[in-house]
Protein backbone atom coordinates (compact mmCIF):
# COMPACT_ATOMS: atom_id res chain seq x y z
CA MET A 1 0.20 0.02 -0.17
CA GLY A 2 1.38 3.20 -0.80
CA ARG A 3 0.78 6.45 -0.06
CA TRP A 4 -1.97 9.12 -1.14
CA ILE A 5 -0.72 12.79 -1.92
CA GLU A 6 -2.41 15.67 -3.60
CA ILE A 7 -0.94 16.52 -7.14
CA ALA A 8 -3.48 19.15 -8.83
CA ARG A 9 -6.68 20.38 -8.14
CA VAL A 10 -9.66 19.82 -10.54
CA GLY A 11 -9.66 23.55 -12.09
CA GLN A 12 -5.73 23.72 -12.78
CA VAL A 13 -6.25 20.61 -15.52
CA PRO A 14 -9.14 21.43 -17.57
CA PRO A 15 -10.31 18.75 -20.00
CA GLY A 16 -7.39 17.87 -22.99
CA THR A 17 -5.10 19.35 -20.80
CA SER A 18 -2.18 17.47 -18.39
CA VAL A 19 0.10 18.92 -15.94
CA VAL A 20 3.68 17.24 -14.27
CA VAL A 21 3.75 17.07 -11.24
CA VAL A 22 7.18 16.32 -8.96
CA ASP A 23 7.22 14.35 -5.68
CA GLY A 24 11.05 13.68 -4.76
CA ASP A 25 12.50 12.15 -7.44
CA GLU A 26 8.71 11.34 -8.86
CA ALA A 27 8.00 13.10 -12.16
CA ILE A 28 4.11 12.06 -12.85
CA ALA A 29 2.20 12.84 -15.87
CA LEU A 30 -1.27 13.74 -15.12
CA PHE A 31 -4.34 14.25 -17.55
CA ASN A 32 -7.56 14.94 -17.82
CA VAL A 33 -10.18 13.05 -20.33
CA GLY A 34 -13.14 14.09 -20.58
CA GLY A 35 -13.61 15.04 -16.82
CA ALA A 36 -11.38 12.12 -15.84
CA PHE A 37 -8.32 11.81 -14.21
CA HIS A 38 -5.03 9.97 -15.12
CA ALA A 39 -1.23 9.48 -14.06
CA ILE A 40 1.33 8.29 -15.35
CA ASP A 41 4.96 8.22 -15.59
CA ASN A 42 5.98 11.66 -17.21
CA ARG A 43 9.16 9.86 -18.89
CA CYS A 44 9.19 8.50 -21.90
CA PRO A 45 10.96 4.71 -22.16
CA HIS A 46 11.85 5.21 -25.94
CA ALA A 47 13.58 8.77 -25.34
CA GLY A 48 13.43 10.43 -22.00
CA ALA A 49 10.87 12.95 -23.07
CA SER A 50 8.04 14.41 -21.06
CA LEU A 51 5.14 13.34 -21.94
CA ALA A 52 2.99 15.92 -20.21
CA ASP A 53 3.86 17.98 -23.08
CA GLY A 54 2.54 15.47 -26.61
CA ASP A 55 -0.46 15.76 -27.78
CA LEU A 56 -3.46 14.02 -26.12
CA GLU A 57 -6.08 12.60 -28.39
CA GLY A 58 -8.77 11.08 -26.42
CA THR A 59 -6.81 8.84 -23.93
CA THR A 60 -4.02 8.75 -25.96
CA VAL A 61 -1.18 10.64 -25.52
CA HIS A 62 1.94 10.98 -28.44
CA CYS A 63 5.39 11.74 -27.25
CA PRO A 64 6.72 14.99 -28.33
CA PHE A 65 10.22 13.43 -29.59
CA HIS A 66 9.47 10.52 -32.13
CA GLY A 67 5.59 9.78 -31.61
CA TRP A 68 5.11 6.71 -30.13
CA THR A 69 2.04 6.71 -28.70
CA PHE A 70 0.50 5.90 -25.08
CA ASP A 71 -2.59 4.72 -23.60
CA VAL A 72 -2.90 6.96 -20.78
CA VAL A 73 -5.29 4.68 -18.74
CA THR A 74 -3.29 1.42 -19.23
CA GLY A 75 0.40 2.59 -19.80
CA VAL A 76 0.84 0.70 -22.83
CA CYS A 77 2.66 1.41 -25.91
CA ALA A 78 0.85 1.35 -29.45
CA VAL A 79 4.06 1.22 -31.11
CA ALA A 80 5.78 -1.27 -29.08
CA ARG A 81 3.86 -2.98 -27.05
CA SER A 82 6.76 -4.23 -24.38
CA ALA A 83 6.98 -0.71 -23.93
CA ARG A 84 5.01 0.93 -21.04
CA VAL A 85 4.92 3.75 -18.75
CA HIS A 86 3.89 3.17 -14.71
CA CYS A 87 0.03 3.97 -14.11
CA PHE A 88 -1.03 5.65 -10.85
CA PRO A 89 -3.98 4.82 -8.69
CA VAL A 90 -5.66 8.59 -8.86
CA LYS A 91 -9.14 9.97 -6.67
CA VAL A 92 -10.36 13.27 -6.65
CA GLU A 93 -12.16 14.10 -3.06
CA GLY A 94 -13.72 17.23 -3.64
CA ASP A 95 -11.81 19.90 -5.80
CA ARG A 96 -8.30 17.66 -4.92
CA VAL A 97 -6.57 15.35 -7.07
CA LEU A 98 -4.61 12.89 -5.36
CA VAL A 99 -2.47 10.07 -6.49
CA GLU A 100 -0.61 6.91 -4.80
CA LEU A 101 3.06 7.13 -4.22
CA GLY A 102 4.21 3.59 -3.26
CA THR A 103 2.65 1.50 -6.09
CA ARG A 104 5.45 0.42 -8.50
CA PRO A 105 6.04 -3.05 -9.03
CA ARG A 106 9.66 -4.13 -7.47
C-alpha cells in the first residue's frame, strides 16, 4: 500500500490538458480526459521526453520527441507493446486530485 498525495486541484487541469507534478524523484504526468483523471510516469521509455508535453487525443498521448503513443489509462505503448509506462492510481476528493505513490512493482 502506498501513500496518497495531492498533486493538483481539479480546476488546474481542464479537460484535454495535462500537467507535470514532481514529488521527490517521481515525475508524474497528470491528464484530464473528459473529466476523468489519469496519472502516468512523465518520462517516455524510448527517448526520455516529457509525456505531459505531448499531444493528447482521447486517452492517447503522443511523445513529443519521436511520436510513440501511450494509453494514459493502461500505460501501454501502441508502437512497441513491450514498452509501457507506470500508471498511478488516482482519486478525486472534492476539488483535490490525489495519486497513490509507492505502487510500482519491484
